[in-house]
Amino acid sequence: TVALTGSLGLTTVPAARERLLRACDGPGISLLLDLSGVTSCDTLGLGLLVAMARRARSFGSGLRLVAPSPAVARALEDSGLIRLFCVCPDIDTSARTPGTGTPGPVLPEAA
């Protein structure tokens, strides 16, 4: 489980990316991404989430978004990206949700 806090945008995405890459460094690792402490999320933050989901799936692993804050939930809903993720309301639910490592929807290539 990796918890992100604060803003998820231009100035913070590079450090968050490095942290997440270290956390899912190889096949078979299912990443739980706790987003309850994220105060804002812009398009770069959304891009990071999509990139990490693609990376996890390329390794045959899974990515679950846990307890997204209202800011993250709104950004995911407004962008239509919510349908690409397994979103769980809390850590306990994420552990009981079947399907870790199963292929999800095809994620679009970055432009």
PDB file of N, CA and C in Angstrom:
ATOM      1  N   THR A   1       0.843  -1.181   0.000  1.00  0.00           N
ATOM      2  CA  THR A   1       0.000   0.000   0.000  1.00  0.00           C
ATOM      3  C   THR A   1       0.887   1.242   0.000  1.00  0.00           C
ATOM      4  N   VAL A   2       0.582   2.166  -0.896  1.00  0.00           N
ATOM      5  CA  VAL A   2       1.279   3.442  -0.946  1.00  0.00           C
ATOM      6  C   VAL A   2       0.234   4.533  -0.749  1.00  0.00           C
ATOM      7  N   ALA A   3       0.490   5.430   0.183  1.00  0.00           N
ATOM      8  CA  ALA A   3      -0.423   6.546   0.427  1.00  0.00           C
ATOM      9  C   ALA A   3       0.174   7.817  -0.176  1.00  0.00           C
ATOM     10  N   LEU A   4      -0.619   8.493  -0.976  1.00  0.00           N
ATOM     11  CA  LEU A   4      -0.227   9.795  -1.510  1.00  0.00           C
ATOM     12  C   LEU A   4      -1.024  10.860  -0.770  1.00  0.00           C
ATOM     13  N   THR A   5      -0.373  11.989  -0.486  1.00  0.00           N
ATOM     14  CA  THR A   5      -1.054  13.080   0.213  1.00  0.00           C
ATOM     15  C   THR A   5      -0.731  14.402  -0.462  1.00  0.00           C
ATOM     16  N   GLY A   6      -1.558  15.392  -0.184  1.00  0.00           N
ATOM     17  CA  GLY A   6      -1.354  16.725  -0.740  1.00  0.00           C
ATOM     18  C   GLY A   6      -1.817  16.806  -2.180  1.00  0.00           C
ATOM     19  N   SER A   7      -1.248  17.737  -2.901  1.00  0.00           N
ATOM     20  CA  SER A   7      -1.617  17.972  -4.290  1.00  0.00           C
ATOM     21  C   SER A   7      -0.985  16.919  -5.199  1.00  0.00           C
ATOM     22  N   LEU A   8      -1.710  16.513  -6.210  1.00  0.00           N
ATOM     23  CA  LEU A   8      -1.191  15.604  -7.225  1.00  0.00           C
ATOM     24  C   LEU A   8      -1.247  16.366  -8.543  1.00  0.00           C
ATOM     25  N   GLY A   9      -0.160  17.119  -8.790  1.00  0.00           N
ATOM     26  CA  GLY A   9      -0.137  17.997  -9.950  1.00  0.00           C
ATOM     27  C   GLY A   9       1.276  18.232 -10.446  1.00  0.00           C
ATOM     28  N   LEU A  10       1.447  19.313 -11.173  1.00  0.00           N
ATOM     29  CA  LEU A  10       2.685  19.625 -11.871  1.00  0.00           C
ATOM     30  C   LEU A  10       3.939  19.489 -11.009  1.00  0.00           C
ATOM     31  N   THR A  11       3.928  20.056  -9.840  1.00  0.00           N
ATOM     32  CA  THR A  11       5.150  20.059  -9.028  1.00  0.00           C
ATOM     33  C   THR A  11       5.358  18.771  -8.238  1.00  0.00           C
ATOM     34  N   THR A  12       4.326  17.981  -8.052  1.00  0.00           N
ATOM     35  CA  THR A  12       4.444  16.792  -7.209  1.00  0.00           C
ATOM     36  C   THR A  12       4.437  15.472  -7.975  1.00  0.00           C
ATOM     37  N   VAL A  13       3.963  15.462  -9.203  1.00  0.00           N
ATOM     38  CA  VAL A  13       3.862  14.213  -9.960  1.00  0.00           C
ATOM     39  C   VAL A  13       5.220  13.532 -10.166  1.00  0.00           C
ATOM     40  N   PRO A  14       6.293  14.250 -10.484  1.00  0.00           N
ATOM     41  CA  PRO A  14       7.572  13.538 -10.678  1.00  0.00           C
ATOM     42  C   PRO A  14       8.015  12.726  -9.445  1.00  0.00           C
ATOM     43  N   ALA A  15       7.923  13.302  -8.272  1.00  0.00           N
ATOM     44  CA  ALA A  15       8.309  12.582  -7.059  1.00  0.00           C
ATOM     45  C   ALA A  15       7.351  11.426  -6.784  1.00  0.00           C
ATOM     46  N   ALA A  16       6.063  11.658  -6.997  1.00  0.00           N
ATOM     47  CA  ALA A  16       5.077  10.592  -6.803  1.00  0.00           C
ATOM     48  C   ALA A  16       5.340   9.446  -7.772  1.00  0.00           C
ATOM     49  N   ARG A  17       5.676   9.777  -9.017  1.00  0.00           N
ATOM     50  CA  ARG A  17       5.975   8.747 -10.013  1.00  0.00           C
ATOM     51  C   ARG A  17       7.143   7.875  -9.559  1.00  0.00           C
ATOM     52  N   GLU A  18       8.216   8.511  -9.095  1.00  0.00           N
ATOM     53  CA  GLU A  18       9.383   7.754  -8.633  1.00  0.00           C
ATOM     54  C   GLU A  18       9.018   6.831  -7.473  1.00  0.00           C
ATOM     55  N   ARG A  19       8.249   7.350  -6.559  1.00  0.00           N
ATOM     56  CA  ARG A  19       7.829   6.554  -5.400  1.00  0.00           C
ATOM     57  C   ARG A  19       6.987   5.359  -5.831  1.00  0.00           C
ATOM     58  N   LEU A  20       6.077   5.576  -6.755  1.00  0.00           N
ATOM     59  CA  LEU A  20       5.216   4.490  -7.223  1.00  0.00           C
ATOM     60  C   LEU A  20       5.983   3.482  -8.060  1.00  0.00           C
ATOM     61  N   LEU A  21       6.929   3.933  -8.855  1.00  0.00           N
ATOM     62  CA  LEU A  21       7.741   3.008  -9.645  1.00  0.00           C
ATOM     63  C   LEU A  21       8.553   2.085  -8.738  1.00  0.00           C
ATOM     64  N   ARG A  22       9.065   2.627  -7.650  1.00  0.00           N
ATOM     65  CA  ARG A  22       9.796   1.785  -6.691  1.00  0.00           C
ATOM     66  C   ARG A  22       8.865   0.776  -6.028  1.00  0.00           C
ATOM     67  N   ALA A  23       7.626   1.167  -5.797  1.00  0.00           N
ATOM     68  CA  ALA A  23       6.674   0.295  -5.104  1.00  0.00           C
ATOM     69  C   ALA A  23       6.183  -0.856  -5.976  1.00  0.00           C
ATOM     70  N   CYS A  24       6.132  -0.651  -7.274  1.00  0.00           N
ATOM     71  CA  CYS A  24       5.635  -1.723  -8.154  1.00  0.00           C
ATOM     72  C   CYS A  24       6.729  -2.113  -9.141  1.00  0.00           C
ATOM     73  N   ASP A  25       7.843  -2.509  -8.576  1.00  0.00           N
ATOM     74  CA  ASP A  25       9.031  -2.827  -9.358  1.00  0.00           C
ATOM     75  C   ASP A  25       9.097  -4.314  -9.689  1.00  0.00           C
ATOM     76  N   GLY A  26       8.180  -4.773 -10.511  1.00  0.00           N
ATOM     77  CA  GLY A  26       8.268  -6.160 -10.955  1.00  0.00           C
ATOM     78  C   GLY A  26       6.923  -6.843 -11.038  1.00  0.00           C
ATOM     79  N   PRO A  27       6.937  -8.012 -11.653  1.00  0.00           N
ATOM     80  CA  PRO A  27       5.706  -8.770 -11.860  1.00  0.00           C
ATOM     81  C   PRO A  27       5.084  -9.257 -10.549  1.00  0.00           C
ATOM     82  N   GLY A  28       3.787  -9.397 -10.575  1.00  0.00           N
ATOM     83  CA  GLY A  28       3.065  -9.996  -9.466  1.00  0.00           C
ATOM     84  C   GLY A  28       2.790  -9.098  -8.284  1.00  0.00           C
ATOM     85  N   ILE A  29       3.185  -7.852  -8.346  1.00  0.00           N
ATOM     86  CA  ILE A  29       2.967  -6.946  -7.220  1.00  0.00           C
ATOM     87  C   ILE A  29       1.652  -6.214  -7.434  1.00  0.00           C
ATOM     88  N   SER A  30       0.752  -6.381  -6.494  1.00  0.00           N
ATOM     89  CA  SER A  30      -0.521  -5.672  -6.552  1.00  0.00           C
ATOM     90  C   SER A  30      -0.392  -4.410  -5.706  1.00  0.00           C
ATOM     91  N   LEU A  31      -0.610  -3.283  -6.334  1.00  0.00           N
ATOM     92  CA  LEU A  31      -0.423  -2.000  -5.660  1.00  0.00           C
ATOM     93  C   LEU A  31      -1.756  -1.443  -5.201  1.00  0.00           C
ATOM     94  N   LEU A  32      -1.842  -1.151  -3.920  1.00  0.00           N
ATOM     95  CA  LEU A  32      -2.986  -0.448  -3.351  1.00  0.00           C
ATOM     96  C   LEU A  32      -2.552   0.999  -3.178  1.00  0.00           C
ATOM     97  N   LEU A  33      -3.258   1.889  -3.820  1.00  0.00           N
ATOM     98  CA  LEU A  33      -2.892   3.297  -3.811  1.00  0.00           C
ATOM     99  C   LEU A  33      -3.919   4.081  -2.996  1.00  0.00           C
ATOM    100  N   ASP A  34      -3.535   4.427  -1.781  1.00  0.00           N
ATOM    101  CA  ASP A  34      -4.408   5.166  -0.872  1.00  0.00           C
ATOM    102  C   ASP A  34      -4.388   6.640  -1.265  1.00  0.00           C
ATOM    103  N   LEU A  35      -5.525   7.127  -1.723  1.00  0.00           N
ATOM    104  CA  LEU A  35      -5.636   8.505  -2.201  1.00  0.00           C
ATOM    105  C   LEU A  35      -6.490   9.370  -1.281  1.00  0.00           C
ATOM    106  N   SER A  36      -6.716   8.911  -0.073  1.00  0.00           N
ATOM    107  CA  SER A  36      -7.591   9.642   0.852  1.00  0.00           C
ATOM    108  C   SER A  36      -7.024  10.997   1.258  1.00  0.00           C
ATOM    109  N   GLY A  37      -5.713  11.162   1.208  1.00  0.00           N
ATOM    110  CA  GLY A  37      -5.099  12.415   1.622  1.00  0.00           C
ATOM    111  C   GLY A  37      -4.754  13.363   0.493  1.00  0.00           C
ATOM    112  N   VAL A  38      -5.203  13.058  -0.721  1.00  0.00           N
ATOM    113  CA  VAL A  38      -4.904  13.929  -1.860  1.00  0.00           C
ATOM    114  C   VAL A  38      -5.892  15.087  -1.871  1.00  0.00           C
ATOM    115  N   THR A  39      -5.364  16.308  -1.861  1.00  0.00           N
ATOM    116  CA  THR A  39      -6.212  17.501  -1.763  1.00  0.00           C
ATOM    117  C   THR A  39      -6.629  18.064  -3.114  1.00  0.00           C
ATOM    118  N   SER A  40      -5.832  17.792  -4.157  1.00  0.00           N
ATOM    119  CA  SER A  40      -6.196  18.221  -5.507  1.00  0.00           C
ATOM    120  C   SER A  40      -5.524  17.286  -6.504  1.00  0.00           C
ATOM    121  N   CYS A  41      -6.146  17.170  -7.678  1.00  0.00           N
ATOM    122  CA  CYS A  41      -5.626  16.270  -8.704  1.00  0.00           C
ATOM    123  C   CYS A  41      -5.921  16.886 -10.067  1.00  0.00           C
ATOM    124  N   ASP A  42      -4.847  17.239 -10.795  1.00  0.00           N
ATOM    125  CA  ASP A  42      -5.041  17.813 -12.122  1.00  0.00           C
ATOM    126  C   ASP A  42      -4.805  16.744 -13.191  1.00  0.00           C
ATOM    127  N   THR A  43      -4.730  17.157 -14.437  1.00  0.00           N
ATOM    128  CA  THR A  43      -4.581  16.189 -15.533  1.00  0.00           C
ATOM    129  C   THR A  43      -3.259  15.427 -15.453  1.00  0.00           C
ATOM    130  N   LEU A  44      -2.221  16.056 -14.941  1.00  0.00           N
ATOM    131  CA  LEU A  44      -0.963  15.329 -14.767  1.00  0.00           C
ATOM    132  C   LEU A  44      -1.098  14.238 -13.711  1.00  0.00           C
ATOM    133  N   GLY A  45      -1.832  14.533 -12.661  1.00  0.00           N
ATOM    134  CA  GLY A  45      -2.101  13.516 -11.638  1.00  0.00           C
ATOM    135  C   GLY A  45      -2.899  12.363 -12.202  1.00  0.00           C
ATOM    136  N   LEU A  46      -3.907  12.682 -12.999  1.00  0.00           N
ATOM    137  CA  LEU A  46      -4.695  11.627 -13.644  1.00  0.00           C
ATOM    138  C   LEU A  46      -3.821  10.808 -14.590  1.00  0.00           C
ATOM    139  N   GLY A  47      -2.945  11.492 -15.319  1.00  0.00           N
ATOM    140  CA  GLY A  47      -2.038  10.797 -16.223  1.00  0.00           C
ATOM    141  C   GLY A  47      -1.133   9.829 -15.478  1.00  0.00           C
ATOM    142  N   LEU A  48      -0.691  10.220 -14.301  1.00  0.00           N
ATOM    143  CA  LEU A  48       0.129   9.341 -13.484  1.00  0.00           C
ATOM    144  C   LEU A  48      -0.650   8.089 -13.092  1.00  0.00           C
ATOM    145  N   LEU A  49      -1.891   8.259 -12.685  1.00  0.00           N
ATOM    146  CA  LEU A  49      -2.708   7.102 -12.305  1.00  0.00           C
ATOM    147  C   LEU A  49      -2.895   6.153 -13.484  1.00  0.00           C
ATOM    148  N   VAL A  50      -3.164   6.700 -14.660  1.00  0.00           N
ATOM    149  CA  VAL A  50      -3.334   5.875 -15.857  1.00  0.00           C
ATOM    150  C   VAL A  50      -2.025   5.147 -16.181  1.00  0.00           C
ATOM    151  N   ALA A  51      -0.910   5.866 -16.124  1.00  0.00           N
ATOM    152  CA  ALA A  51       0.386   5.249 -16.427  1.00  0.00           C
ATOM    153  C   ALA A  51       0.707   4.119 -15.452  1.00  0.00           C
ATOM    154  N   MET A  52       0.404   4.312 -14.180  1.00  0.00           N
ATOM    155  CA  MET A  52       0.685   3.269 -13.195  1.00  0.00           C
ATOM    156  C   MET A  52      -0.227   2.067 -13.395  1.00  0.00           C
ATOM    157  N   ALA A  53      -1.462   2.302 -13.784  1.00  0.00           N
ATOM    158  CA  ALA A  53      -2.370   1.183 -14.066  1.00  0.00           C
ATOM    159  C   ALA A  53      -1.869   0.383 -15.265  1.00  0.00           C
ATOM    160  N   ARG A  54      -1.421   1.081 -16.290  1.00  0.00           N
ATOM    161  CA  ARG A  54      -0.873   0.398 -17.476  1.00  0.00           C
ATOM    162  C   ARG A  54       0.361  -0.405 -17.107  1.00  0.00           C
ATOM    163  N   ARG A  55       1.232   0.183 -16.306  1.00  0.00           N
ATOM    164  CA  ARG A  55       2.450  -0.516 -15.897  1.00  0.00           C
ATOM    165  C   ARG A  55       2.107  -1.767 -15.095  1.00  0.00           C
ATOM    166  N   ALA A  56       1.210  -1.639 -14.154  1.00  0.00           N
ATOM    167  CA  ALA A  56       0.817  -2.791 -13.342  1.00  0.00           C
ATOM    168  C   ALA A  56       0.245  -3.896 -14.218  1.00  0.00           C
ATOM    169  N   ARG A  57      -0.609  -3.522 -15.147  1.00  0.00           N
ATOM    170  CA  ARG A  57      -1.208  -4.532 -16.023  1.00  0.00           C
ATOM    171  C   ARG A  57      -0.182  -5.164 -16.945  1.00  0.00           C
ATOM    172  N   SER A  58       0.817  -4.405 -17.378  1.00  0.00           N
ATOM    173  CA  SER A  58       1.850  -4.968 -18.247  1.00  0.00           C
ATOM    174  C   SER A  58       2.678  -6.016 -17.505  1.00  0.00           C
ATOM    175  N   PHE A  59       2.744  -5.907 -16.181  1.00  0.00           N
ATOM    176  CA  PHE A  59       3.436  -6.888 -15.355  1.00  0.00           C
ATOM    177  C   PHE A  59       2.504  -8.011 -14.911  1.00  0.00           C
ATOM    178  N   GLY A  60       1.241  -7.973 -15.339  1.00  0.00           N
ATOM    179  CA  GLY A  60       0.278  -8.964 -14.888  1.00  0.00           C
ATOM    180  C   GLY A  60      -0.139  -8.745 -13.447  1.00  0.00           C
ATOM    181  N   SER A  61      -0.010  -7.527 -12.994  1.00  0.00           N
ATOM    182  CA  SER A  61      -0.335  -7.170 -11.621  1.00  0.00           C
ATOM    183  C   SER A  61      -1.607  -6.333 -11.600  1.00  0.00           C
ATOM    184  N   GLY A  62      -1.920  -5.798 -10.447  1.00  0.00           N
ATOM    185  CA  GLY A  62      -3.104  -4.972 -10.338  1.00  0.00           C
ATOM    186  C   GLY A  62      -2.826  -3.670  -9.618  1.00  0.00           C
ATOM    187  N   LEU A  63      -3.675  -2.706  -9.867  1.00  0.00           N
ATOM    188  CA  LEU A  63      -3.640  -1.419  -9.183  1.00  0.00           C
ATOM    189  C   LEU A  63      -5.051  -1.142  -8.702  1.00  0.00           C
ATOM    190  N   ARG A  64      -5.173  -0.846  -7.433  1.00  0.00           N
ATOM    191  CA  ARG A  64      -6.465  -0.476  -6.862  1.00  0.00           C
ATOM    192  C   ARG A  64      -6.343   0.897  -6.234  1.00  0.00           C
ATOM    193  N   LEU A  65      -7.308   1.735  -6.532  1.00  0.00           N
ATOM    194  CA  LEU A  65      -7.376   3.054  -5.912  1.00  0.00           C
ATOM    195  C   LEU A  65      -8.216   2.920  -4.660  1.00  0.00           C
ATOM    196  N   VAL A  66      -7.635   3.280  -3.528  1.00  0.00           N
ATOM    197  CA  VAL A  66      -8.305   3.096  -2.243  1.00  0.00           C
ATOM    198  C   VAL A  66      -8.680   4.448  -1.664  1.00  0.00           C
ATOM    199  N   ALA A  67      -9.938   4.558  -1.268  1.00  0.00           N
ATOM    200  CA  ALA A  67     -10.457   5.740  -0.571  1.00  0.00           C
ATOM    201  C   ALA A  67     -10.088   7.050  -1.249  1.00  0.00           C
ATOM    202  N   PRO A  68     -10.392   7.188  -2.542  1.00  0.00           N
ATOM    203  CA  PRO A  68     -10.039   8.456  -3.192  1.00  0.00           C
ATOM    204  C   PRO A  68     -10.740   9.631  -2.508  1.00  0.00           C
ATOM    205  N   SER A  69      -9.980  10.683  -2.313  1.00  0.00           N
ATOM    206  CA  SER A  69     -10.531  11.894  -1.707  1.00  0.00           C
ATOM    207  C   SER A  69     -11.596  12.472  -2.650  1.00  0.00           C
ATOM    208  N   PRO A  70     -12.417  13.384  -2.161  1.00  0.00           N
ATOM    209  CA  PRO A  70     -13.402  14.012  -3.040  1.00  0.00           C
ATOM    210  C   PRO A  70     -12.764  14.657  -4.271  1.00  0.00           C
ATOM    211  N   ALA A  71     -11.575  15.251  -4.108  1.00  0.00           N
ATOM    212  CA  ALA A  71     -10.903  15.891  -5.250  1.00  0.00           C
ATOM    213  C   ALA A  71     -10.525  14.862  -6.311  1.00  0.00           C
ATOM    214  N   VAL A  72     -10.009  13.718  -5.890  1.00  0.00           N
ATOM    215  CA  VAL A  72      -9.630  12.667  -6.842  1.00  0.00           C
ATOM    216  C   VAL A  72     -10.870  12.053  -7.465  1.00  0.00           C
ATOM    217  N   ALA A  73     -11.864  11.763  -6.652  1.00  0.00           N
ATOM    218  CA  ALA A  73     -13.096  11.170  -7.176  1.00  0.00           C
ATOM    219  C   ALA A  73     -13.740  12.083  -8.218  1.00  0.00           C
ATOM    220  N   ARG A  74     -13.764  13.365  -7.939  1.00  0.00           N
ATOM    221  CA  ARG A  74     -14.342  14.333  -8.881  1.00  0.00           C
ATOM    222  C   ARG A  74     -13.540  14.363 -10.186  1.00  0.00           C
ATOM    223  N   ALA A  75     -12.203  14.390 -10.091  1.00  0.00           N
ATOM    224  CA  ALA A  75     -11.357  14.415 -11.285  1.00  0.00           C
ATOM    225  C   ALA A  75     -11.550  13.146 -12.118  1.00  0.00           C
ATOM    226  N   LEU A  76     -11.632  12.006 -11.459  1.00  0.00           N
ATOM    227  CA  LEU A  76     -11.846  10.743 -12.176  1.00  0.00           C
ATOM    228  C   LEU A  76     -13.216  10.711 -12.851  1.00  0.00           C
ATOM    229  N   GLU A  77     -14.229  11.156 -12.130  1.00  0.00           N
ATOM    230  CA  GLU A  77     -15.591  11.189 -12.693  1.00  0.00           C
ATOM    231  C   GLU A  77     -15.683  12.171 -13.855  1.00  0.00           C
ATOM    232  N   ASP A  78     -15.188  13.383 -13.650  1.00  0.00           N
ATOM    233  CA  ASP A  78     -15.281  14.422 -14.681  1.00  0.00           C
ATOM    234  C   ASP A  78     -14.554  14.026 -15.958  1.00  0.00           C
ATOM    235  N   SER A  79     -13.446  13.307 -15.822  1.00  0.00           N
ATOM    236  CA  SER A  79     -12.651  12.912 -16.985  1.00  0.00           C
ATOM    237  C   SER A  79     -13.165  11.630 -17.636  1.00  0.00           C
ATOM    238  N   GLY A  80     -14.024  10.899 -16.939  1.00  0.00           N
ATOM    239  CA  GLY A  80     -14.501   9.612 -17.454  1.00  0.00           C
ATOM    240  C   GLY A  80     -13.523   8.480 -17.200  1.00  0.00           C
ATOM    241  N   LEU A  81     -12.425   8.750 -16.520  1.00  0.00           N
ATOM    242  CA  LEU A  81     -11.408   7.723 -16.271  1.00  0.00           C
ATOM    243  C   LEU A  81     -11.792   6.761 -15.155  1.00  0.00           C
ATOM    244  N   ILE A  82     -12.803   7.088 -14.384  1.00  0.00           N
ATOM    245  CA  ILE A  82     -13.205   6.237 -13.268  1.00  0.00           C
ATOM    246  C   ILE A  82     -13.469   4.805 -13.720  1.00  0.00           C
ATOM    247  N   ARG A  83     -13.959   4.640 -14.941  1.00  0.00           N
ATOM    248  CA  ARG A  83     -14.301   3.298 -15.441  1.00  0.00           C
ATOM    249  C   ARG A  83     -13.081   2.425 -15.688  1.00  0.00           C
ATOM    250  N   LEU A  84     -11.898   3.028 -15.712  1.00  0.00           N
ATOM    251  CA  LEU A  84     -10.677   2.270 -15.978  1.00  0.00           C
ATOM    252  C   LEU A  84     -10.038   1.677 -14.725  1.00  0.00           C
ATOM    253  N   PHE A  85     -10.554   2.045 -13.563  1.00  0.00           N
ATOM    254  CA  PHE A  85      -9.900   1.661 -12.321  1.00  0.00           C
ATOM    255  C   PHE A  85     -10.801   0.828 -11.423  1.00  0.00           C
ATOM    256  N   CYS A  86     -10.149   0.001 -10.618  1.00  0.00           N
ATOM    257  CA  CYS A  86     -10.825  -0.661  -9.513  1.00  0.00           C
ATOM    258  C   CYS A  86     -10.712   0.310  -8.342  1.00  0.00           C
ATOM    259  N   VAL A  87     -11.846   0.839  -7.897  1.00  0.00           N
ATOM    260  CA  VAL A  87     -11.859   1.832  -6.818  1.00  0.00           C
ATOM    261  C   VAL A  87     -12.545   1.210  -5.611  1.00  0.00           C
ATOM    262  N   CYS A  88     -11.856   1.233  -4.481  1.00  0.00           N
ATOM    263  CA  CYS A  88     -12.382   0.656  -3.249  1.00  0.00           C
ATOM    264  C   CYS A  88     -12.532   1.753  -2.199  1.00  0.00           C
ATOM    265  N   PRO A  89     -13.588   1.687  -1.407  1.00  0.00           N
ATOM    266  CA  PRO A  89     -13.821   2.754  -0.425  1.00  0.00           C
ATOM    267  C   PRO A  89     -12.837   2.748   0.738  1.00  0.00           C
ATOM    268  N   ASP A  90     -12.199   1.582   1.023  1.00  0.00           N
ATOM    269  CA  ASP A  90     -11.247   1.502   2.130  1.00  0.00           C
ATOM    270  C   ASP A  90     -10.318   0.308   1.932  1.00  0.00           C
ATOM    271  N   ILE A  91      -9.304   0.206   2.764  1.00  0.00           N
ATOM    272  CA  ILE A  91      -8.306  -0.860   2.659  1.00  0.00           C
ATOM    273  C   ILE A  91      -8.949  -2.225   2.860  1.00  0.00           C
ATOM    274  N   ASP A  92      -9.843  -2.346   3.832  1.00  0.00           N
ATOM    275  CA  ASP A  92     -10.472  -3.636   4.098  1.00  0.00           C
ATOM    276  C   ASP A  92     -11.233  -4.146   2.884  1.00  0.00           C
ATOM    277  N   THR A  93     -11.974  -3.266   2.225  1.00  0.00           N
ATOM    278  CA  THR A  93     -12.734  -3.650   1.039  1.00  0.00           C
ATOM    279  C   THR A  93     -11.787  -4.046  -0.090  1.00  0.00           C
ATOM    280  N   SER A  94     -10.682  -3.349  -0.231  1.00  0.00           N
ATOM    281  CA  SER A  94      -9.746  -3.658  -1.321  1.00  0.00           C
ATOM    282  C   SER A  94      -9.165  -5.053  -1.158  1.00  0.00           C
ATOM    283  N   ALA A  95      -8.970  -5.487   0.061  1.00  0.00           N
ATOM    284  CA  ALA A  95      -8.426  -6.825   0.299  1.00  0.00           C
ATOM    285  C   ALA A  95      -9.446  -7.911  -0.030  1.00  0.00           C
ATOM    286  N   ARG A  96     -10.719  -7.595   0.068  1.00  0.00           N
ATOM    287  CA  ARG A  96     -11.773  -8.574  -0.206  1.00  0.00           C
ATOM    288  C   ARG A  96     -12.263  -8.549  -1.642  1.00  0.00           C
ATOM    289  N   THR A  97     -11.853  -7.549  -2.416  1.00  0.00           N
ATOM    290  CA  THR A  97     -12.341  -7.404  -3.780  1.00  0.00           C
ATOM    291  C   THR A  97     -11.591  -8.367  -4.685  1.00  0.00           C
ATOM    292  N   PRO A  98     -12.305  -9.270  -5.375  1.00  0.00           N
ATOM    293  CA  PRO A  98     -11.620 -10.212  -6.252  1.00  0.00           C
ATOM    294  C   PRO A  98     -11.080  -9.520  -7.496  1.00  0.00           C
ATOM    295  N   GLY A  99     -10.147 -10.181  -8.146  1.00  0.00           N
ATOM    296  CA  GLY A  99      -9.708  -9.708  -9.448  1.00  0.00           C
ATOM    297  C   GLY A  99      -8.335  -9.097  -9.492  1.00  0.00           C
ATOM    298  N   THR A 100      -7.573  -9.148  -8.404  1.00  0.00           N
ATOM    299  CA  THR A 100      -6.218  -8.605  -8.459  1.00  0.00           C
ATOM    300  C   THR A 100      -5.427  -9.362  -9.504  1.00  0.00           C
ATOM    301  N   GLY A 101      -4.786  -8.622 -10.366  1.00  0.00           N
ATOM    302  CA  GLY A 101      -3.967  -9.234 -11.387  1.00  0.00           C
ATOM    303  C   GLY A 101      -4.719  -9.612 -12.642  1.00  0.00           C
ATOM    304  N   THR A 102      -6.033  -9.468 -12.641  1.00  0.00           N
ATOM    305  CA  THR A 102      -6.782  -9.792 -13.832  1.00  0.00           C
ATOM    306  C   THR A 102      -6.748  -8.604 -14.765  1.00  0.00           C
ATOM    307  N   PRO A 103      -6.763  -8.876 -16.056  1.00  0.00           N
ATOM    308  CA  PRO A 103      -6.704  -7.750 -16.990  1.00  0.00           C
ATOM    309  C   PRO A 103      -7.940  -6.877 -16.874  1.00  0.00           C
ATOM    310  N   GLY A 104      -7.730  -5.597 -16.946  1.00  0.00           N
ATOM    311  CA  GLY A 104      -8.827  -4.646 -16.908  1.00  0.00           C
ATOM    312  C   GLY A 104      -9.066  -4.120 -18.301  1.00  0.00           C
ATOM    313  N   PRO A 105      -9.778  -3.026 -18.403  1.00  0.00           N
ATOM    314  CA  PRO A 105     -10.012  -2.432 -19.714  1.00  0.00           C
ATOM    315  C   PRO A 105      -8.698  -1.983 -20.351  1.00  0.00           C
ATOM    316  N   VAL A 106      -8.704  -1.929 -21.640  1.00  0.00           N
ATOM    317  CA  VAL A 106      -7.530  -1.464 -22.352  1.00  0.00           C
ATOM    318  C   VAL A 106      -7.369   0.024 -22.108  1.00  0.00           C
ATOM    319  N   LEU A 107      -6.197   0.407 -21.642  1.00  0.00           N
ATOM    320  CA  LEU A 107      -5.948   1.810 -21.356  1.00  0.00           C
ATOM    321  C   LEU A 107      -5.347   2.468 -22.588  1.00  0.00           C
ATOM    322  N   PRO A 108      -5.825   3.637 -22.964  1.00  0.00           N
ATOM    323  CA  PRO A 108      -5.327   4.296 -24.171  1.00  0.00           C
ATOM    324  C   PRO A 108      -3.871   4.698 -24.028  1.00  0.00           C
ATOM    325  N   GLU A 109      -3.181   4.675 -25.136  1.00  0.00           N
ATOM    326  CA  GLU A 109      -1.791   5.146 -25.171  1.00  0.00           C
ATOM    327  C   GLU A 109      -1.785   6.656 -24.950  1.00  0.00           C
ATOM    328  N   ALA A 110      -0.761   7.139 -24.304  1.00  0.00           N
ATOM    329  CA  ALA A 110      -0.621   8.588 -24.122  1.00  0.00           C
ATOM    330  C   ALA A 110      -0.327   9.230 -25.470  1.00  0.00           C
ATOM    331  N   ALA A 111      -0.873  10.411 -25.668  1.00  0.00           N
ATOM    332  CA  ALA A 111      -0.670  11.117 -26.938  1.00  0.00           C
ATOM    333  C   ALA A 111       0.685  11.749 -27.008  1.00  0.00           C
TER     334      ALA A 111
END
